[in-house]
Amino acid sequence: MPTNFASVYAHLERAQAELTGTDPATQQLREAVGLLVDAALKAEFSAKPQVCEIIPFPQAETGRPTRTSHHG
């Protein structure tokens, strides 16, 4: 089962929001949670992509060239 990164971010953001103190320990904890958010982002975007099957689109054989854009 893949990790639900949206849920991970929501929990970490909530934890960081609860750390409202101005003392050094609270500031250190907020930085640690920030590092966890960074690590989660890195894990999410460095994961191997899922293998997908590419299904070719059938070519129309009308005998005339097809335009790829309607802007030109």
C-alpha atoms as a PDB file:
ATOM      1  CA  MET A   1       0.000   0.000   0.000  1.00  0.00           C
ATOM      2  CA  PRO A   2       1.538   3.363  -0.994  1.00  0.00           C
ATOM      3  CA  THR A   3       2.067   6.150   1.518  1.00  0.00           C
ATOM      4  CA  ASN A   4      -0.649   8.808   1.644  1.00  0.00           C
ATOM      5  CA  PHE A   5       1.648  11.837   1.532  1.00  0.00           C
ATOM      6  CA  ALA A   6      -1.254  14.309   1.725  1.00  0.00           C
ATOM      7  CA  SER A   7      -2.178  12.817   5.087  1.00  0.00           C
ATOM      8  CA  VAL A   8       1.448  12.921   6.237  1.00  0.00           C
ATOM      9  CA  TYR A   9       1.675  16.631   5.374  1.00  0.00           C
ATOM     10  CA  ALA A  10      -1.597  17.398   7.143  1.00  0.00           C
ATOM     11  CA  HIS A  11      -0.412  15.701  10.344  1.00  0.00           C
ATOM     12  CA  LEU A  12       2.996  17.368  10.261  1.00  0.00           C
ATOM     13  CA  GLU A  13       1.498  20.802   9.578  1.00  0.00           C
ATOM     14  CA  ARG A  14      -0.928  20.321  12.466  1.00  0.00           C
ATOM     15  CA  ALA A  15       1.929  19.289  14.744  1.00  0.00           C
ATOM     16  CA  GLN A  16       3.945  22.325  13.699  1.00  0.00           C
ATOM     17  CA  ALA A  17       0.946  24.622  14.303  1.00  0.00           C
ATOM     18  CA  GLU A  18       0.603  23.260  17.849  1.00  0.00           C
ATOM     19  CA  LEU A  19       4.181  24.272  18.640  1.00  0.00           C
ATOM     20  CA  THR A  20       3.391  27.910  19.439  1.00  0.00           C
ATOM     21  CA  GLY A  21       5.914  28.648  22.176  1.00  0.00           C
ATOM     22  CA  THR A  22       8.851  30.985  21.762  1.00  0.00           C
ATOM     23  CA  ASP A  23      11.263  29.021  23.965  1.00  0.00           C
ATOM     24  CA  PRO A  24      14.328  27.364  22.411  1.00  0.00           C
ATOM     25  CA  ALA A  25      12.951  23.815  22.854  1.00  0.00           C
ATOM     26  CA  THR A  26       9.766  24.667  20.928  1.00  0.00           C
ATOM     27  CA  GLN A  27      11.741  26.374  18.178  1.00  0.00           C
ATOM     28  CA  GLN A  28      13.975  23.302  17.915  1.00  0.00           C
ATOM     29  CA  LEU A  29      10.922  21.037  17.652  1.00  0.00           C
ATOM     30  CA  ARG A  30       9.402  23.244  14.930  1.00  0.00           C
ATOM     31  CA  GLU A  31      12.656  22.970  12.957  1.00  0.00           C
ATOM     32  CA  ALA A  32      12.655  19.190  13.428  1.00  0.00           C
ATOM     33  CA  VAL A  33       9.092  18.934  12.110  1.00  0.00           C
ATOM     34  CA  GLY A  34      10.137  21.098   9.162  1.00  0.00           C
ATOM     35  CA  LEU A  35      12.949  18.632   8.430  1.00  0.00           C
ATOM     36  CA  LEU A  36      10.396  15.801   8.498  1.00  0.00           C
ATOM     37  CA  VAL A  37       8.261  17.692   5.971  1.00  0.00           C
ATOM     38  CA  ASP A  38      11.324  18.084   3.737  1.00  0.00           C
ATOM     39  CA  ALA A  39      12.138  14.374   4.089  1.00  0.00           C
ATOM     40  CA  ALA A  40       8.544  13.445   3.191  1.00  0.00           C
ATOM     41  CA  LEU A  41       8.700  15.637   0.083  1.00  0.00           C
ATOM     42  CA  LYS A  42      11.976  14.044  -0.958  1.00  0.00           C
ATOM     43  CA  ALA A  43      10.556  10.557  -0.407  1.00  0.00           C
ATOM     44  CA  GLU A  44       7.407  11.356  -2.372  1.00  0.00           C
ATOM     45  CA  PHE A  45       9.169  12.740  -5.423  1.00  0.00           C
ATOM     46  CA  SER A  46      12.125  10.354  -5.484  1.00  0.00           C
ATOM     47  CA  ALA A  47       9.951   7.235  -5.391  1.00  0.00           C
ATOM     48  CA  LYS A  48       9.994   5.086  -8.494  1.00  0.00           C
ATOM     49  CA  PRO A  49       7.110   5.946 -10.809  1.00  0.00           C
ATOM     50  CA  GLN A  50       4.471   3.313 -11.299  1.00  0.00           C
ATOM     51  CA  VAL A  51       4.770   1.318 -14.488  1.00  0.00           C
ATOM     52  CA  CYS A  52       2.035   2.330 -16.895  1.00  0.00           C
ATOM     53  CA  GLU A  53       1.003   0.737 -20.139  1.00  0.00           C
ATOM     54  CA  ILE A  54       0.916   3.155 -23.059  1.00  0.00           C
ATOM     55  CA  ILE A  55      -1.954   2.479 -25.413  1.00  0.00           C
ATOM     56  CA  PRO A  56      -1.311   3.788 -28.946  1.00  0.00           C
ATOM     57  CA  PHE A  57      -3.974   6.000 -30.464  1.00  0.00           C
ATOM     58  CA  PRO A  58      -5.111   4.726 -33.869  1.00  0.00           C
ATOM     59  CA  GLN A  59      -3.964   6.880 -36.778  1.00  0.00           C
ATOM     60  CA  ALA A  60      -6.594   8.263 -39.121  1.00  0.00           C
ATOM     61  CA  GLU A  61      -5.740   7.433 -42.735  1.00  0.00           C
ATOM     62  CA  THR A  62      -7.569  10.102 -44.724  1.00  0.00           C
ATOM     63  CA  GLY A  63      -4.850  10.805 -47.266  1.00  0.00           C
ATOM     64  CA  ARG A  64      -4.471  14.404 -46.160  1.00  0.00           C
ATOM     65  CA  PRO A  65      -1.996  15.812 -43.676  1.00  0.00           C
ATOM     66  CA  THR A  66      -3.333  16.333 -40.207  1.00  0.00           C
ATOM     67  CA  ARG A  67      -2.812  19.564 -38.342  1.00  0.00           C
ATOM     68  CA  THR A  68      -1.528  19.354 -34.799  1.00  0.00           C
ATOM     69  CA  SER A  69      -2.733  22.823 -33.852  1.00  0.00           C
ATOM     70  CA  HIS A  70      -5.672  25.035 -34.610  1.00  0.00           C
ATOM     71  CA  HIS A  71      -3.562  28.138 -34.026  1.00  0.00           C
ATOM     72  CA  GLY A  72      -1.672  28.361 -37.197  1.00  0.00           C
END
